[in-house]
Amino acid sequence: MSYDVEGVAGTDARLSAIGESLDALLPAEHSGWADVGTAPGDVTLVARYGPERPVIVDAMRRTADVHPMMLALRRRPLSVDPLRMSDQIELRAWRRHEVYSELFRLLGTTYQLVLPVQPLGAGRLRAWVFNRAHADFGDDELDLARRLQPLLAAVDRVAVAQDQAGGPPPPVARAGLTAREAEILGMLGSGMTATSIAYVSRVSPRTVQKHIEHIYAKLGVHDRVSAALLAADRAGRP
């Protein structure tokens, strides 16, 4: 999945690339990205092929406070475990629910799976959302979502850090790191293992380990914690 994201720049392009890959793994009639804050109406939705229709965004903003999935996420604000709508509310009651009437009828769907990459308790819910019309998500698909979650969360953390930095961090030039080494250092700092970095970067774990050895040598350190702390310290210097 993450191979398709390599070299993709920009939030919209990245979400589109990830969404396309997820579509093959968790097929749905309607899927996309949700970024929801704690303030009323603070909702951003990106559909599979671009910005969500305004009528859908407005409906989500109106119903967020009573949405069964949002209520479940608020009950467990630090959890990133995927959720299925059918585990939150019985189907007959769901079809009579105001959120179903106001939002899901517009989508033309009934069943939903939410895969958080950042919990609501962190200040903003960031999640992939999958909606189906006729068939619920099975236990095997829920398990697949659980296995995908750590990778998607790691990719999101790195992407957010890069977006906030607006480019390579200051210590890159001063330490003589290459662009790839700087990218790997950022992933190390986010908590990713060498194996996960290899998967995301589309290289072998052995290659990643060589990059890590070069990073440590250039920074004069011997472990990932020291490397991340030193990079952060240099980034704060004038």
C-alpha atoms as a PDB file:
ATOM      1  CA  MET A   1       0.000   0.000   0.000  1.00  0.00           C
ATOM      2  CA  SER A   2       2.609   2.529   1.065  1.00  0.00           C
ATOM      3  CA  TYR A   3       4.615   1.962  -2.112  1.00  0.00           C
ATOM      4  CA  ASP A   4       2.011   4.015  -3.958  1.00  0.00           C
ATOM      5  CA  VAL A   5       2.702   7.007  -1.685  1.00  0.00           C
ATOM      6  CA  GLU A   6       6.416   7.233  -2.389  1.00  0.00           C
ATOM      7  CA  GLY A   7       7.321  10.577  -3.930  1.00  0.00           C
ATOM      8  CA  VAL A   8       3.796  11.962  -3.593  1.00  0.00           C
ATOM      9  CA  ALA A   9       3.832  15.595  -2.443  1.00  0.00           C
ATOM     10  CA  GLY A  10       0.982  17.656  -1.050  1.00  0.00           C
ATOM     11  CA  THR A  11      -1.835  16.694   1.282  1.00  0.00           C
ATOM     12  CA  ASP A  12      -4.530  16.187  -1.383  1.00  0.00           C
ATOM     13  CA  ALA A  13      -2.268  14.098  -3.606  1.00  0.00           C
ATOM     14  CA  ARG A  14      -1.088  12.018  -0.654  1.00  0.00           C
ATOM     15  CA  LEU A  15      -4.623  11.333   0.555  1.00  0.00           C
ATOM     16  CA  SER A  16      -5.687  10.398  -2.961  1.00  0.00           C
ATOM     17  CA  ALA A  17      -2.773   7.959  -3.335  1.00  0.00           C
ATOM     18  CA  ILE A  18      -3.404   6.329   0.053  1.00  0.00           C
ATOM     19  CA  GLY A  19      -7.154   6.236  -0.573  1.00  0.00           C
ATOM     20  CA  GLU A  20      -6.656   4.473  -3.893  1.00  0.00           C
ATOM     21  CA  SER A  21      -4.539   1.794  -2.213  1.00  0.00           C
ATOM     22  CA  LEU A  22      -7.002   1.361   0.643  1.00  0.00           C
ATOM     23  CA  ASP A  23      -9.833   1.006  -1.858  1.00  0.00           C
ATOM     24  CA  ALA A  24      -8.252  -2.222  -3.085  1.00  0.00           C
ATOM     25  CA  LEU A  25      -7.941  -3.573   0.462  1.00  0.00           C
ATOM     26  CA  LEU A  26     -11.241  -2.362   1.939  1.00  0.00           C
ATOM     27  CA  PRO A  27     -13.561  -1.798  -1.046  1.00  0.00           C
ATOM     28  CA  ALA A  28     -16.480   0.535  -0.410  1.00  0.00           C
ATOM     29  CA  GLU A  29     -18.977   2.552  -2.443  1.00  0.00           C
ATOM     30  CA  HIS A  30     -17.879   5.708  -0.637  1.00  0.00           C
ATOM     31  CA  SER A  31     -14.642   6.259   1.255  1.00  0.00           C
ATOM     32  CA  GLY A  32     -12.436   9.116   2.286  1.00  0.00           C
ATOM     33  CA  TRP A  33     -10.588  11.053   4.952  1.00  0.00           C
ATOM     34  CA  ALA A  34     -12.058  12.816   7.974  1.00  0.00           C
ATOM     35  CA  ASP A  35     -10.348  15.475  10.111  1.00  0.00           C
ATOM     36  CA  VAL A  36     -12.611  16.431  13.020  1.00  0.00           C
ATOM     37  CA  GLY A  37     -11.814  18.869  15.817  1.00  0.00           C
ATOM     38  CA  THR A  38     -13.469  19.274  19.188  1.00  0.00           C
ATOM     39  CA  ALA A  39     -15.159  22.609  18.376  1.00  0.00           C
ATOM     40  CA  PRO A  40     -18.692  22.516  16.877  1.00  0.00           C
ATOM     41  CA  GLY A  41     -18.615  22.442  13.083  1.00  0.00           C
ATOM     42  CA  ASP A  42     -14.854  21.820  12.885  1.00  0.00           C
ATOM     43  CA  VAL A  43     -15.052  19.128  10.212  1.00  0.00           C
ATOM     44  CA  THR A  44     -12.969  18.555   7.087  1.00  0.00           C
ATOM     45  CA  LEU A  45     -13.888  15.715   4.735  1.00  0.00           C
ATOM     46  CA  VAL A  46     -11.974  14.566   1.674  1.00  0.00           C
ATOM     47  CA  ALA A  47     -13.700  12.014  -0.527  1.00  0.00           C
ATOM     48  CA  ARG A  48     -11.857   9.333  -2.444  1.00  0.00           C
ATOM     49  CA  TYR A  49     -11.339  11.541  -5.505  1.00  0.00           C
ATOM     50  CA  GLY A  50     -11.150  15.019  -3.983  1.00  0.00           C
ATOM     51  CA  PRO A  51     -12.924  17.448  -1.638  1.00  0.00           C
ATOM     52  CA  GLU A  52     -16.219  16.116  -0.318  1.00  0.00           C
ATOM     53  CA  ARG A  53     -19.483  17.616  -1.607  1.00  0.00           C
ATOM     54  CA  PRO A  54     -20.514  20.638   0.525  1.00  0.00           C
ATOM     55  CA  VAL A  55     -23.930  19.092   1.211  1.00  0.00           C
ATOM     56  CA  ILE A  56     -22.210  16.070   2.796  1.00  0.00           C
ATOM     57  CA  VAL A  57     -19.865  18.246   4.878  1.00  0.00           C
ATOM     58  CA  ASP A  58     -22.796  20.358   6.085  1.00  0.00           C
ATOM     59  CA  ALA A  59     -24.774  17.247   7.048  1.00  0.00           C
ATOM     60  CA  MET A  60     -21.806  15.864   8.971  1.00  0.00           C
ATOM     61  CA  ARG A  61     -21.369  19.153  10.821  1.00  0.00           C
ATOM     62  CA  ARG A  62     -25.060  19.191  11.772  1.00  0.00           C
ATOM     63  CA  THR A  63     -25.111  15.613  13.030  1.00  0.00           C
ATOM     64  CA  ALA A  64     -21.630  15.133  14.532  1.00  0.00           C
ATOM     65  CA  ASP A  65     -22.879  15.507  18.107  1.00  0.00           C
ATOM     66  CA  VAL A  66     -25.291  12.577  17.745  1.00  0.00           C
ATOM     67  CA  HIS A  67     -23.370  10.451  15.217  1.00  0.00           C
ATOM     68  CA  PRO A  68     -23.065   6.927  16.726  1.00  0.00           C
ATOM     69  CA  MET A  69     -19.425   6.654  15.646  1.00  0.00           C
ATOM     70  CA  MET A  70     -18.507  10.048  17.098  1.00  0.00           C
ATOM     71  CA  LEU A  71     -20.230   9.132  20.354  1.00  0.00           C
ATOM     72  CA  ALA A  72     -18.249   5.877  20.492  1.00  0.00           C
ATOM     73  CA  LEU A  73     -14.998   7.720  19.793  1.00  0.00           C
ATOM     74  CA  ARG A  74     -15.740  10.242  22.544  1.00  0.00           C
ATOM     75  CA  ARG A  75     -16.268   7.385  24.998  1.00  0.00           C
ATOM     76  CA  ARG A  76     -12.746   6.139  24.211  1.00  0.00           C
ATOM     77  CA  PRO A  77     -10.847   9.316  23.318  1.00  0.00           C
ATOM     78  CA  LEU A  78      -7.368   7.773  23.278  1.00  0.00           C
ATOM     79  CA  SER A  79      -8.225   4.659  21.278  1.00  0.00           C
ATOM     80  CA  VAL A  80      -7.317   4.180  17.627  1.00  0.00           C
ATOM     81  CA  ASP A  81      -8.970   0.781  17.306  1.00  0.00           C
ATOM     82  CA  PRO A  82     -11.147   0.610  14.149  1.00  0.00           C
ATOM     83  CA  LEU A  83     -14.920   0.808  14.664  1.00  0.00           C
ATOM     84  CA  ARG A  84     -17.859  -0.732  12.815  1.00  0.00           C
ATOM     85  CA  MET A  85     -21.239   0.981  12.782  1.00  0.00           C
ATOM     86  CA  SER A  86     -23.045  -2.336  13.248  1.00  0.00           C
ATOM     87  CA  ASP A  87     -21.195  -2.815  16.560  1.00  0.00           C
ATOM     88  CA  GLN A  88     -22.546   0.521  17.830  1.00  0.00           C
ATOM     89  CA  ILE A  89     -26.224   0.354  16.891  1.00  0.00           C
ATOM     90  CA  GLU A  90     -28.681  -2.320  15.729  1.00  0.00           C
ATOM     91  CA  LEU A  91     -29.539  -2.066  12.025  1.00  0.00           C
ATOM     92  CA  ARG A  92     -33.264  -1.408  12.467  1.00  0.00           C
ATOM     93  CA  ALA A  93     -32.604   1.386  14.965  1.00  0.00           C
ATOM     94  CA  TRP A  94     -29.861   2.767  12.729  1.00  0.00           C
ATOM     95  CA  ARG A  95     -32.184   3.094   9.765  1.00  0.00           C
ATOM     96  CA  ARG A  96     -34.510   5.179  11.925  1.00  0.00           C
ATOM     97  CA  HIS A  97     -31.668   7.339  13.278  1.00  0.00           C
ATOM     98  CA  GLU A  98     -31.456  11.034  12.351  1.00  0.00           C
ATOM     99  CA  VAL A  99     -27.839  10.662  11.195  1.00  0.00           C
ATOM    100  CA  TYR A 100     -28.895   7.929   8.797  1.00  0.00           C
ATOM    101  CA  SER A 101     -31.719  10.121   7.478  1.00  0.00           C
ATOM    102  CA  GLU A 102     -29.707  13.322   7.144  1.00  0.00           C
ATOM    103  CA  LEU A 103     -26.280  12.005   6.129  1.00  0.00           C
ATOM    104  CA  PHE A 104     -26.225   8.391   5.020  1.00  0.00           C
ATOM    105  CA  ARG A 105     -29.220   8.701   2.694  1.00  0.00           C
ATOM    106  CA  LEU A 106     -27.257  11.430   0.894  1.00  0.00           C
ATOM    107  CA  LEU A 107     -24.294   9.076   0.636  1.00  0.00           C
ATOM    108  CA  GLY A 108     -26.493   6.187  -0.479  1.00  0.00           C
ATOM    109  CA  THR A 109     -24.852   3.919   2.082  1.00  0.00           C
ATOM    110  CA  THR A 110     -25.765   2.054   5.282  1.00  0.00           C
ATOM    111  CA  TYR A 111     -22.660   0.393   6.725  1.00  0.00           C
ATOM    112  CA  GLN A 112     -19.549   2.168   7.986  1.00  0.00           C
ATOM    113  CA  LEU A 113     -16.027   1.349   9.131  1.00  0.00           C
ATOM    114  CA  VAL A 114     -13.859   4.050  10.731  1.00  0.00           C
ATOM    115  CA  LEU A 115     -10.086   3.582  10.928  1.00  0.00           C
ATOM    116  CA  PRO A 116      -8.535   6.294  13.151  1.00  0.00           C
ATOM    117  CA  VAL A 117      -4.896   7.250  12.704  1.00  0.00           C
ATOM    118  CA  GLN A 118      -5.014   9.892  15.448  1.00  0.00           C
ATOM    119  CA  PRO A 119      -7.460   9.664  18.393  1.00  0.00           C
ATOM    120  CA  LEU A 120      -9.954  12.363  19.226  1.00  0.00           C
ATOM    121  CA  GLY A 121      -8.221  12.784  22.591  1.00  0.00           C
ATOM    122  CA  ALA A 122      -5.175  14.197  20.791  1.00  0.00           C
ATOM    123  CA  GLY A 123      -7.221  17.278  19.912  1.00  0.00           C
ATOM    124  CA  ARG A 124      -8.320  16.198  16.441  1.00  0.00           C
ATOM    125  CA  LEU A 125      -9.699  12.951  15.107  1.00  0.00           C
ATOM    126  CA  ARG A 126      -7.883  11.976  11.912  1.00  0.00           C
ATOM    127  CA  ALA A 127      -9.367   8.880  10.314  1.00  0.00           C
ATOM    128  CA  TRP A 128     -10.097   6.944   7.158  1.00  0.00           C
ATOM    129  CA  VAL A 129     -13.804   6.252   6.686  1.00  0.00           C
ATOM    130  CA  PHE A 130     -15.379   3.529   4.535  1.00  0.00           C
ATOM    131  CA  ASN A 131     -19.108   3.355   3.691  1.00  0.00           C
ATOM    132  CA  ARG A 132     -21.019   0.560   1.984  1.00  0.00           C
ATOM    133  CA  ALA A 133     -24.556   0.322   0.700  1.00  0.00           C
ATOM    134  CA  HIS A 134     -25.439  -3.358   0.814  1.00  0.00           C
ATOM    135  CA  ALA A 135     -22.882  -5.445   2.736  1.00  0.00           C
ATOM    136  CA  ASP A 136     -21.406  -4.921   6.184  1.00  0.00           C
ATOM    137  CA  PHE A 137     -17.691  -5.097   6.897  1.00  0.00           C
ATOM    138  CA  GLY A 138     -16.715  -8.577   8.051  1.00  0.00           C
ATOM    139  CA  ASP A 139     -14.615  -9.584  11.022  1.00  0.00           C
ATOM    140  CA  ASP A 140     -11.704 -10.336   8.679  1.00  0.00           C
ATOM    141  CA  GLU A 141     -11.901  -6.800   7.295  1.00  0.00           C
ATOM    142  CA  LEU A 142     -12.035  -5.347  10.801  1.00  0.00           C
ATOM    143  CA  ASP A 143      -8.912  -7.352  11.620  1.00  0.00           C
ATOM    144  CA  LEU A 144      -7.248  -6.098   8.435  1.00  0.00           C
ATOM    145  CA  ALA A 145      -8.065  -2.517   9.463  1.00  0.00           C
ATOM    146  CA  ARG A 146      -6.415  -3.155  12.839  1.00  0.00           C
ATOM    147  CA  ARG A 147      -3.274  -4.419  11.096  1.00  0.00           C
ATOM    148  CA  LEU A 148      -3.212  -1.438   8.736  1.00  0.00           C
ATOM    149  CA  GLN A 149      -3.667   1.113  11.526  1.00  0.00           C
ATOM    150  CA  PRO A 150      -0.047   1.319  12.818  1.00  0.00           C
ATOM    151  CA  LEU A 151       1.319   1.801   9.309  1.00  0.00           C
ATOM    152  CA  LEU A 152      -1.265   4.433   8.377  1.00  0.00           C
ATOM    153  CA  ALA A 153      -0.663   6.248  11.675  1.00  0.00           C
ATOM    154  CA  ALA A 154       3.094   6.281  11.096  1.00  0.00           C
ATOM    155  CA  VAL A 155       2.707   7.584   7.535  1.00  0.00           C
ATOM    156  CA  ASP A 156       0.363  10.298   8.810  1.00  0.00           C
ATOM    157  CA  ARG A 157       2.758  11.387  11.584  1.00  0.00           C
ATOM    158  CA  VAL A 158       5.634  11.731   9.133  1.00  0.00           C
ATOM    159  CA  ALA A 159       3.448  13.597   6.622  1.00  0.00           C
ATOM    160  CA  VAL A 160       2.185  16.032   9.265  1.00  0.00           C
ATOM    161  CA  ALA A 161       5.733  16.688  10.470  1.00  0.00           C
ATOM    162  CA  GLN A 162       6.911  17.353   6.924  1.00  0.00           C
ATOM    163  CA  ASP A 163       3.953  19.654   6.210  1.00  0.00           C
ATOM    164  CA  GLN A 164       4.596  21.632   9.387  1.00  0.00           C
ATOM    165  CA  ALA A 165       8.311  21.899   8.649  1.00  0.00           C
ATOM    166  CA  GLY A 166       7.636  23.161   5.145  1.00  0.00           C
ATOM    167  CA  GLY A 167      10.661  21.269   3.837  1.00  0.00           C
ATOM    168  CA  PRO A 168      13.835  19.615   5.117  1.00  0.00           C
ATOM    169  CA  PRO A 169      14.590  20.537   8.737  1.00  0.00           C
ATOM    170  CA  PRO A 170      17.504  22.863   9.510  1.00  0.00           C
ATOM    171  CA  PRO A 171      19.775  20.135  10.938  1.00  0.00           C
ATOM    172  CA  VAL A 172      19.874  18.353   7.580  1.00  0.00           C
ATOM    173  CA  ALA A 173      22.314  20.778   5.975  1.00  0.00           C
ATOM    174  CA  ARG A 174      24.381  21.286   9.112  1.00  0.00           C
ATOM    175  CA  ALA A 175      24.791  17.551   9.738  1.00  0.00           C
ATOM    176  CA  GLY A 176      25.396  16.770   6.079  1.00  0.00           C
ATOM    177  CA  LEU A 177      22.453  14.383   5.851  1.00  0.00           C
ATOM    178  CA  THR A 178      21.067  13.521   2.448  1.00  0.00           C
ATOM    179  CA  ALA A 179      17.367  14.075   1.769  1.00  0.00           C
ATOM    180  CA  ARG A 180      16.690  10.339   2.159  1.00  0.00           C
ATOM    181  CA  GLU A 181      18.670  10.220   5.426  1.00  0.00           C
ATOM    182  CA  ALA A 182      16.702  13.205   6.736  1.00  0.00           C
ATOM    183  CA  GLU A 183      13.442  11.469   5.808  1.00  0.00           C
ATOM    184  CA  ILE A 184      14.515   8.280   7.592  1.00  0.00           C
ATOM    185  CA  LEU A 185      15.613  10.279  10.651  1.00  0.00           C
ATOM    186  CA  GLY A 186      12.135  11.821  10.770  1.00  0.00           C
ATOM    187  CA  MET A 187      10.527   8.374  10.625  1.00  0.00           C
ATOM    188  CA  LEU A 188      12.852   7.098  13.358  1.00  0.00           C
ATOM    189  CA  GLY A 189      11.853  10.046  15.512  1.00  0.00           C
ATOM    190  CA  SER A 190       8.159   9.228  14.984  1.00  0.00           C
ATOM    191  CA  GLY A 191       8.719   5.753  16.460  1.00  0.00           C
ATOM    192  CA  MET A 192       8.837   3.654  13.280  1.00  0.00           C
ATOM    193  CA  THR A 193      11.021   0.542  13.185  1.00  0.00           C
ATOM    194  CA  ALA A 194      13.589  -0.127  10.468  1.00  0.00           C
ATOM    195  CA  THR A 195      11.257  -2.747   8.977  1.00  0.00           C
ATOM    196  CA  SER A 196       8.348  -0.275   8.813  1.00  0.00           C
ATOM    197  CA  ILE A 197      10.606   2.387   7.290  1.00  0.00           C
ATOM    198  CA  ALA A 198      11.748  -0.119   4.669  1.00  0.00           C
ATOM    199  CA  TYR A 199       8.151  -0.892   3.747  1.00  0.00           C
ATOM    200  CA  VAL A 200       7.171   2.775   3.493  1.00  0.00           C
ATOM    201  CA  SER A 201      10.355   3.722   1.604  1.00  0.00           C
ATOM    202  CA  ARG A 202      10.160   0.743  -0.783  1.00  0.00           C
ATOM    203  CA  VAL A 203      13.668  -0.467   0.016  1.00  0.00           C
ATOM    204  CA  SER A 204      15.050  -3.443   1.903  1.00  0.00           C
ATOM    205  CA  PRO A 205      15.505  -3.399   5.695  1.00  0.00           C
ATOM    206  CA  ARG A 206      19.238  -3.860   5.065  1.00  0.00           C
ATOM    207  CA  THR A 207      19.324  -0.634   3.046  1.00  0.00           C
ATOM    208  CA  VAL A 208      17.467   1.221   5.774  1.00  0.00           C
ATOM    209  CA  GLN A 209      19.918  -0.102   8.365  1.00  0.00           C
ATOM    210  CA  LYS A 210      22.809   1.241   6.266  1.00  0.00           C
ATOM    211  CA  HIS A 211      21.122   4.648   6.109  1.00  0.00           C
ATOM    212  CA  ILE A 212      20.661   4.575   9.887  1.00  0.00           C
ATOM    213  CA  GLU A 213      24.328   3.745  10.388  1.00  0.00           C
ATOM    214  CA  HIS A 214      25.301   6.721   8.208  1.00  0.00           C
ATOM    215  CA  ILE A 215      22.894   8.993  10.133  1.00  0.00           C
ATOM    216  CA  TYR A 216      24.369   7.942  13.472  1.00  0.00           C
ATOM    217  CA  ALA A 217      27.904   8.469  12.182  1.00  0.00           C
ATOM    218  CA  LYS A 218      27.134  11.938  10.829  1.00  0.00           C
ATOM    219  CA  LEU A 219      25.341  12.988  14.009  1.00  0.00           C
ATOM    220  CA  GLY A 220      27.925  11.351  16.276  1.00  0.00           C
ATOM    221  CA  VAL A 221      25.370   9.233  18.154  1.00  0.00           C
ATOM    222  CA  HIS A 222      24.698   5.540  18.682  1.00  0.00           C
ATOM    223  CA  ASP A 223      20.908   5.181  19.048  1.00  0.00           C
ATOM    224  CA  ARG A 224      17.631   6.530  17.643  1.00  0.00           C
ATOM    225  CA  VAL A 225      16.695   8.484  20.782  1.00  0.00           C
ATOM    226  CA  SER A 226      19.954  10.412  20.780  1.00  0.00           C
ATOM    227  CA  ALA A 227      19.652  11.053  17.046  1.00  0.00           C
ATOM    228  CA  ALA A 228      16.096  12.400  17.362  1.00  0.00           C
ATOM    229  CA  LEU A 229      16.995  14.587  20.356  1.00  0.00           C
ATOM    230  CA  LEU A 230      20.081  15.982  18.627  1.00  0.00           C
ATOM    231  CA  ALA A 231      18.131  16.772  15.474  1.00  0.00           C
ATOM    232  CA  ALA A 232      15.431  18.524  17.516  1.00  0.00           C
ATOM    233  CA  ASP A 233      18.081  20.496  19.425  1.00  0.00           C
ATOM    234  CA  ARG A 234      19.818  21.625  16.231  1.00  0.00           C
ATOM    235  CA  ALA A 235      16.495  22.533  14.663  1.00  0.00           C
ATOM    236  CA  GLY A 236      15.908  24.978  17.514  1.00  0.00           C
ATOM    237  CA  ARG A 237      19.233  26.741  17.127  1.00  0.00           C
ATOM    238  CA  PRO A 238      19.661  29.899  15.002  1.00  0.00           C
END
